[in-house]
Amino acid sequence: MTKQIITTPNGERMVVLPEGEYQSLLEAAEEAEDLAAIHRFEEKLAAGEEELVPAEFVHRMLEGESPVLVWREYRGLSARALAEAAGISQAYLSQIESGKRDGTIGTMKKIAEALKVTIDELV
């Protein structure tokens, strides 16, 4: 590594290096951060704090399908079972899933708890 150490007028030491070497250092730091993030995810996955969701379900949500409907189907719940678990009517759940009605914050929280997801994953 080609470097030059200089001292500023106030006595601070600085390292000057070619831009290409600086970019290589940045890339190495980003790769280390990525690896650390992967490691943290793997730890959470092993502890049951994260889960892997099949691409089919992720794509459905990314394409705009109701997250409540997609998560319900992923969890293998009927509309009746989810409505009962959330303490709401099946008709209200149907309206939320179809986009005809927005659920209140309280309702969405109950649905999230029943689906074992965060409310952020539903809204």
N, C-alpha and C. Protein backbone atom coordinates (compact mmCIF):
# COMPACT_ATOMS: atom_id res chain seq x y z
N MET A 1 0.86 -1.17 0.00
CA MET A 1 0.00 0.00 0.00
C MET A 1 0.90 1.23 0.00
N THR A 2 0.61 2.12 -0.92
CA THR A 2 1.37 3.36 -1.03
C THR A 2 0.68 4.40 -0.16
N LYS A 3 1.43 4.96 0.77
CA LYS A 3 0.82 5.95 1.65
C LYS A 3 1.84 7.02 2.00
N GLN A 4 1.33 8.15 2.42
CA GLN A 4 2.17 9.25 2.88
C GLN A 4 1.54 9.77 4.16
N ILE A 5 2.35 9.95 5.19
CA ILE A 5 1.85 10.49 6.44
C ILE A 5 2.28 11.94 6.51
N ILE A 6 1.31 12.80 6.76
CA ILE A 6 1.60 14.23 6.88
C ILE A 6 1.10 14.71 8.24
N THR A 7 1.65 15.81 8.68
CA THR A 7 1.22 16.43 9.93
C THR A 7 0.65 17.79 9.60
N THR A 8 -0.57 18.02 10.07
CA THR A 8 -1.22 19.30 9.81
C THR A 8 -0.61 20.37 10.72
N PRO A 9 -0.86 21.64 10.42
CA PRO A 9 -0.30 22.72 11.26
C PRO A 9 -0.70 22.61 12.74
N ASN A 10 -1.85 21.97 13.04
CA ASN A 10 -2.25 21.85 14.45
C ASN A 10 -1.74 20.54 15.07
N GLY A 11 -0.88 19.81 14.35
CA GLY A 11 -0.24 18.62 14.90
C GLY A 11 -0.98 17.31 14.64
N GLU A 12 -2.09 17.36 13.92
CA GLU A 12 -2.84 16.13 13.63
C GLU A 12 -2.13 15.36 12.52
N ARG A 13 -1.96 14.05 12.72
CA ARG A 13 -1.32 13.21 11.70
C ARG A 13 -2.40 12.67 10.77
N MET A 14 -2.13 12.74 9.48
CA MET A 14 -3.07 12.27 8.47
C MET A 14 -2.35 11.35 7.50
N VAL A 15 -3.10 10.40 6.95
CA VAL A 15 -2.55 9.48 5.97
C VAL A 15 -3.13 9.83 4.60
N VAL A 16 -2.27 9.97 3.63
CA VAL A 16 -2.68 10.23 2.26
C VAL A 16 -2.35 8.98 1.45
N LEU A 17 -3.35 8.48 0.70
CA LEU A 17 -3.11 7.30 -0.13
C LEU A 17 -3.80 7.47 -1.46
N PRO A 18 -3.39 6.69 -2.44
CA PRO A 18 -4.01 6.80 -3.77
C PRO A 18 -5.50 6.46 -3.70
N GLU A 19 -6.28 7.11 -4.57
CA GLU A 19 -7.73 6.94 -4.55
C GLU A 19 -8.13 5.48 -4.76
N GLY A 20 -7.46 4.78 -5.63
CA GLY A 20 -7.78 3.38 -5.89
C GLY A 20 -7.64 2.54 -4.63
N GLU A 21 -6.61 2.78 -3.85
CA GLU A 21 -6.41 2.04 -2.60
C GLU A 21 -7.48 2.43 -1.58
N TYR A 22 -7.85 3.71 -1.57
CA TYR A 22 -8.93 4.17 -0.68
C TYR A 22 -10.24 3.45 -1.04
N GLN A 23 -10.55 3.36 -2.34
CA GLN A 23 -11.77 2.67 -2.79
C GLN A 23 -11.73 1.19 -2.39
N SER A 24 -10.57 0.56 -2.50
CA SER A 24 -10.44 -0.85 -2.10
C SER A 24 -10.71 -1.01 -0.61
N LEU A 25 -10.24 -0.08 0.20
CA LEU A 25 -10.51 -0.14 1.64
C LEU A 25 -11.99 0.02 1.93
N LEU A 26 -12.64 0.94 1.22
CA LEU A 26 -14.09 1.13 1.39
C LEU A 26 -14.85 -0.14 1.03
N GLU A 27 -14.50 -0.77 -0.09
CA GLU A 27 -15.17 -2.00 -0.51
C GLU A 27 -14.97 -3.11 0.51
N ALA A 28 -13.77 -3.22 1.05
CA ALA A 28 -13.50 -4.25 2.06
C ALA A 28 -14.34 -4.00 3.32
N ALA A 29 -14.48 -2.73 3.70
CA ALA A 29 -15.28 -2.39 4.88
C ALA A 29 -16.75 -2.72 4.64
N GLU A 30 -17.27 -2.42 3.44
CA GLU A 30 -18.66 -2.73 3.12
C GLU A 30 -18.89 -4.24 3.13
N GLU A 31 -17.93 -4.99 2.59
CA GLU A 31 -18.05 -6.45 2.58
C GLU A 31 -18.08 -7.00 4.01
N ALA A 32 -17.24 -6.43 4.87
CA ALA A 32 -17.22 -6.86 6.28
C ALA A 32 -18.56 -6.55 6.96
N GLU A 33 -19.15 -5.38 6.65
CA GLU A 33 -20.45 -5.03 7.22
C GLU A 33 -21.53 -5.98 6.71
N ASP A 34 -21.48 -6.32 5.42
CA ASP A 34 -22.45 -7.26 4.86
C ASP A 34 -22.33 -8.62 5.53
N LEU A 35 -21.11 -9.10 5.72
CA LEU A 35 -20.91 -10.40 6.36
C LEU A 35 -21.40 -10.38 7.80
N ALA A 36 -21.18 -9.26 8.49
CA ALA A 36 -21.66 -9.14 9.87
C ALA A 36 -23.18 -9.16 9.90
N ALA A 37 -23.84 -8.50 8.95
CA ALA A 37 -25.30 -8.49 8.89
C ALA A 37 -25.84 -9.90 8.62
N ILE A 38 -25.17 -10.61 7.74
CA ILE A 38 -25.58 -11.99 7.46
C ILE A 38 -25.44 -12.84 8.71
N HIS A 39 -24.35 -12.67 9.42
CA HIS A 39 -24.11 -13.44 10.64
C HIS A 39 -25.19 -13.13 11.69
N ARG A 40 -25.54 -11.84 11.84
CA ARG A 40 -26.59 -11.47 12.81
C ARG A 40 -27.92 -12.10 12.42
N PHE A 41 -28.23 -12.09 11.11
CA PHE A 41 -29.48 -12.72 10.65
C PHE A 41 -29.48 -14.21 10.94
N GLU A 42 -28.37 -14.88 10.67
CA GLU A 42 -28.28 -16.32 10.92
C GLU A 42 -28.46 -16.63 12.40
N GLU A 43 -27.93 -15.78 13.27
CA GLU A 43 -28.10 -15.98 14.71
C GLU A 43 -29.57 -15.83 15.10
N LYS A 44 -30.22 -14.80 14.56
CA LYS A 44 -31.64 -14.59 14.85
C LYS A 44 -32.50 -15.73 14.29
N LEU A 45 -32.14 -16.21 13.11
CA LEU A 45 -32.86 -17.32 12.51
C LEU A 45 -32.75 -18.56 13.40
N ALA A 46 -31.54 -18.83 13.87
CA ALA A 46 -31.32 -20.00 14.74
C ALA A 46 -32.08 -19.86 16.06
N ALA A 47 -32.24 -18.62 16.54
CA ALA A 47 -32.94 -18.37 17.80
C ALA A 47 -34.46 -18.30 17.60
N GLY A 48 -34.92 -18.39 16.37
CA GLY A 48 -36.36 -18.31 16.10
C GLY A 48 -36.90 -16.90 16.07
N GLU A 49 -36.01 -15.91 16.00
CA GLU A 49 -36.43 -14.51 15.97
C GLU A 49 -36.64 -14.01 14.54
N GLU A 50 -36.22 -14.78 13.56
CA GLU A 50 -36.40 -14.46 12.14
C GLU A 50 -36.88 -15.72 11.45
N GLU A 51 -37.43 -15.56 10.27
CA GLU A 51 -37.85 -16.72 9.50
C GLU A 51 -37.59 -16.48 8.03
N LEU A 52 -37.44 -17.56 7.30
CA LEU A 52 -37.29 -17.48 5.85
C LEU A 52 -38.66 -17.67 5.24
N VAL A 53 -39.04 -16.75 4.38
CA VAL A 53 -40.34 -16.80 3.73
C VAL A 53 -40.10 -17.13 2.26
N PRO A 54 -40.81 -18.13 1.73
CA PRO A 54 -40.62 -18.49 0.33
C PRO A 54 -40.85 -17.30 -0.62
N ALA A 55 -40.07 -17.28 -1.68
CA ALA A 55 -40.12 -16.17 -2.65
C ALA A 55 -41.53 -15.95 -3.20
N GLU A 56 -42.28 -17.01 -3.37
CA GLU A 56 -43.64 -16.89 -3.90
C GLU A 56 -44.47 -15.90 -3.08
N PHE A 57 -44.38 -15.99 -1.76
CA PHE A 57 -45.16 -15.12 -0.89
C PHE A 57 -44.60 -13.70 -0.88
N VAL A 58 -43.29 -13.58 -0.91
CA VAL A 58 -42.66 -12.26 -0.94
C VAL A 58 -43.04 -11.54 -2.23
N HIS A 59 -42.98 -12.23 -3.36
CA HIS A 59 -43.33 -11.61 -4.64
C HIS A 59 -44.78 -11.15 -4.66
N ARG A 60 -45.65 -11.93 -4.07
CA ARG A 60 -47.06 -11.53 -4.04
C ARG A 60 -47.23 -10.20 -3.31
N MET A 61 -46.54 -10.04 -2.18
CA MET A 61 -46.65 -8.77 -1.44
C MET A 61 -46.00 -7.63 -2.21
N LEU A 62 -44.85 -7.91 -2.84
CA LEU A 62 -44.17 -6.87 -3.61
C LEU A 62 -45.01 -6.42 -4.81
N GLU A 63 -45.83 -7.32 -5.32
CA GLU A 63 -46.70 -6.98 -6.45
C GLU A 63 -47.98 -6.28 -6.01
N GLY A 64 -48.13 -6.06 -4.71
CA GLY A 64 -49.26 -5.26 -4.22
C GLY A 64 -50.41 -6.04 -3.61
N GLU A 65 -50.26 -7.35 -3.53
CA GLU A 65 -51.33 -8.15 -2.91
C GLU A 65 -51.38 -7.85 -1.41
N SER A 66 -52.54 -7.98 -0.82
CA SER A 66 -52.73 -7.68 0.59
C SER A 66 -51.78 -8.50 1.47
N PRO A 67 -50.94 -7.82 2.25
CA PRO A 67 -50.05 -8.57 3.15
C PRO A 67 -50.81 -9.44 4.14
N VAL A 68 -51.99 -8.99 4.57
CA VAL A 68 -52.78 -9.79 5.51
C VAL A 68 -53.18 -11.11 4.85
N LEU A 69 -53.65 -11.04 3.62
CA LEU A 69 -54.05 -12.24 2.90
C LEU A 69 -52.84 -13.16 2.66
N VAL A 70 -51.74 -12.57 2.22
CA VAL A 70 -50.56 -13.38 1.91
C VAL A 70 -50.04 -14.06 3.16
N TRP A 71 -49.90 -13.32 4.27
CA TRP A 71 -49.43 -13.93 5.51
C TRP A 71 -50.40 -14.99 6.03
N ARG A 72 -51.69 -14.72 5.89
CA ARG A 72 -52.69 -15.71 6.34
C ARG A 72 -52.52 -17.01 5.58
N GLU A 73 -52.38 -16.90 4.26
CA GLU A 73 -52.22 -18.10 3.46
C GLU A 73 -50.88 -18.78 3.74
N TYR A 74 -49.83 -17.99 3.94
CA TYR A 74 -48.52 -18.57 4.27
C TYR A 74 -48.59 -19.35 5.59
N ARG A 75 -49.32 -18.81 6.55
CA ARG A 75 -49.46 -19.47 7.85
C ARG A 75 -50.43 -20.65 7.79
N GLY A 76 -51.14 -20.78 6.67
CA GLY A 76 -52.06 -21.91 6.53
C GLY A 76 -53.35 -21.74 7.31
N LEU A 77 -53.75 -20.50 7.53
CA LEU A 77 -54.97 -20.22 8.29
C LEU A 77 -56.14 -19.95 7.35
N SER A 78 -57.31 -20.37 7.76
CA SER A 78 -58.52 -20.00 7.03
C SER A 78 -58.88 -18.58 7.47
N ALA A 79 -59.73 -17.94 6.67
CA ALA A 79 -60.19 -16.60 7.04
C ALA A 79 -60.94 -16.66 8.37
N ARG A 80 -61.72 -17.69 8.56
CA ARG A 80 -62.47 -17.85 9.81
C ARG A 80 -61.52 -17.95 11.00
N ALA A 81 -60.48 -18.77 10.88
CA ALA A 81 -59.54 -18.97 11.99
C ALA A 81 -58.80 -17.67 12.34
N LEU A 82 -58.37 -16.92 11.31
CA LEU A 82 -57.68 -15.66 11.58
C LEU A 82 -58.63 -14.64 12.20
N ALA A 83 -59.84 -14.54 11.68
CA ALA A 83 -60.82 -13.60 12.23
C ALA A 83 -61.08 -13.91 13.70
N GLU A 84 -61.26 -15.18 14.02
CA GLU A 84 -61.49 -15.57 15.42
C GLU A 84 -60.29 -15.23 16.29
N ALA A 85 -59.09 -15.54 15.80
CA ALA A 85 -57.87 -15.27 16.58
C ALA A 85 -57.68 -13.77 16.82
N ALA A 86 -58.10 -12.97 15.85
CA ALA A 86 -57.95 -11.51 15.98
C ALA A 86 -59.14 -10.86 16.66
N GLY A 87 -60.21 -11.62 16.90
CA GLY A 87 -61.38 -11.07 17.56
C GLY A 87 -62.19 -10.13 16.68
N ILE A 88 -62.21 -10.42 15.38
CA ILE A 88 -62.98 -9.59 14.44
C ILE A 88 -63.88 -10.51 13.63
N SER A 89 -64.81 -9.90 12.90
CA SER A 89 -65.70 -10.71 12.07
C SER A 89 -64.96 -11.14 10.80
N GLN A 90 -65.42 -12.24 10.25
CA GLN A 90 -64.82 -12.73 9.01
C GLN A 90 -65.08 -11.73 7.87
N ALA A 91 -66.24 -11.08 7.91
CA ALA A 91 -66.58 -10.09 6.87
C ALA A 91 -65.61 -8.91 6.92
N TYR A 92 -65.29 -8.44 8.15
CA TYR A 92 -64.35 -7.32 8.31
C TYR A 92 -62.97 -7.73 7.79
N LEU A 93 -62.54 -8.94 8.13
CA LEU A 93 -61.25 -9.43 7.65
C LEU A 93 -61.24 -9.48 6.13
N SER A 94 -62.32 -9.94 5.53
CA SER A 94 -62.42 -10.01 4.08
C SER A 94 -62.29 -8.63 3.45
N GLN A 95 -62.91 -7.63 4.08
CA GLN A 95 -62.82 -6.27 3.56
C GLN A 95 -61.39 -5.73 3.68
N ILE A 96 -60.70 -6.07 4.75
CA ILE A 96 -59.30 -5.64 4.91
C ILE A 96 -58.43 -6.32 3.85
N GLU A 97 -58.63 -7.62 3.67
CA GLU A 97 -57.82 -8.36 2.71
C GLU A 97 -58.06 -7.89 1.27
N SER A 98 -59.28 -7.50 0.96
CA SER A 98 -59.60 -7.06 -0.40
C SER A 98 -59.28 -5.59 -0.63
N GLY A 99 -58.95 -4.86 0.43
CA GLY A 99 -58.63 -3.45 0.30
C GLY A 99 -59.84 -2.54 0.31
N LYS A 100 -61.02 -3.10 0.59
CA LYS A 100 -62.23 -2.29 0.63
C LYS A 100 -62.29 -1.44 1.89
N ARG A 101 -61.63 -1.92 2.95
CA ARG A 101 -61.58 -1.17 4.21
C ARG A 101 -60.18 -1.24 4.77
N ASP A 102 -59.79 -0.17 5.46
CA ASP A 102 -58.54 -0.18 6.20
C ASP A 102 -58.86 -0.64 7.62
N GLY A 103 -58.00 -1.48 8.15
CA GLY A 103 -58.18 -1.87 9.54
C GLY A 103 -57.68 -0.77 10.46
N THR A 104 -58.31 -0.63 11.61
CA THR A 104 -57.82 0.33 12.59
C THR A 104 -56.46 -0.15 13.09
N ILE A 105 -55.74 0.71 13.75
CA ILE A 105 -54.44 0.33 14.32
C ILE A 105 -54.63 -0.84 15.28
N GLY A 106 -55.64 -0.77 16.12
CA GLY A 106 -55.89 -1.84 17.07
C GLY A 106 -56.19 -3.17 16.39
N THR A 107 -57.00 -3.10 15.34
CA THR A 107 -57.34 -4.31 14.60
C THR A 107 -56.11 -4.89 13.92
N MET A 108 -55.32 -4.02 13.29
CA MET A 108 -54.13 -4.51 12.60
C MET A 108 -53.12 -5.10 13.58
N LYS A 109 -53.08 -4.55 14.78
CA LYS A 109 -52.20 -5.10 15.80
C LYS A 109 -52.65 -6.50 16.19
N LYS A 110 -53.96 -6.69 16.35
CA LYS A 110 -54.50 -8.02 16.69
C LYS A 110 -54.24 -9.02 15.57
N ILE A 111 -54.41 -8.58 14.33
CA ILE A 111 -54.15 -9.46 13.19
C ILE A 111 -52.66 -9.83 13.15
N ALA A 112 -51.80 -8.84 13.36
CA ALA A 112 -50.36 -9.09 13.36
C ALA A 112 -49.98 -10.11 14.43
N GLU A 113 -50.56 -9.96 15.61
CA GLU A 113 -50.27 -10.91 16.70
C GLU A 113 -50.73 -12.31 16.33
N ALA A 114 -51.90 -12.41 15.71
CA ALA A 114 -52.43 -13.72 15.32
C ALA A 114 -51.57 -14.37 14.24
N LEU A 115 -50.99 -13.53 13.36
CA LEU A 115 -50.15 -14.05 12.28
C LEU A 115 -48.68 -14.20 12.69
N LYS A 116 -48.37 -13.75 13.91
CA LYS A 116 -46.99 -13.80 14.42
C LYS A 116 -46.02 -13.01 13.54
N VAL A 117 -46.46 -11.78 13.21
CA VAL A 117 -45.63 -10.84 12.45
C VAL A 117 -45.74 -9.49 13.15
N THR A 118 -44.92 -8.54 12.74
CA THR A 118 -45.04 -7.20 13.29
C THR A 118 -46.10 -6.45 12.49
N ILE A 119 -46.64 -5.42 13.09
CA ILE A 119 -47.66 -4.61 12.38
C ILE A 119 -47.03 -3.96 11.15
N ASP A 120 -45.73 -3.66 11.20
CA ASP A 120 -45.04 -3.07 10.05
C ASP A 120 -45.09 -3.99 8.83
N GLU A 121 -45.15 -5.27 9.06
CA GLU A 121 -45.20 -6.22 7.94
C GLU A 121 -46.57 -6.27 7.28
N LEU A 122 -47.55 -5.66 7.91
CA LEU A 122 -48.91 -5.66 7.37
C LEU A 122 -49.32 -4.34 6.75
N VAL A 123 -48.65 -3.26 7.12
CA VAL A 123 -49.06 -1.95 6.61
C VAL A 123 -47.96 -1.32 5.78
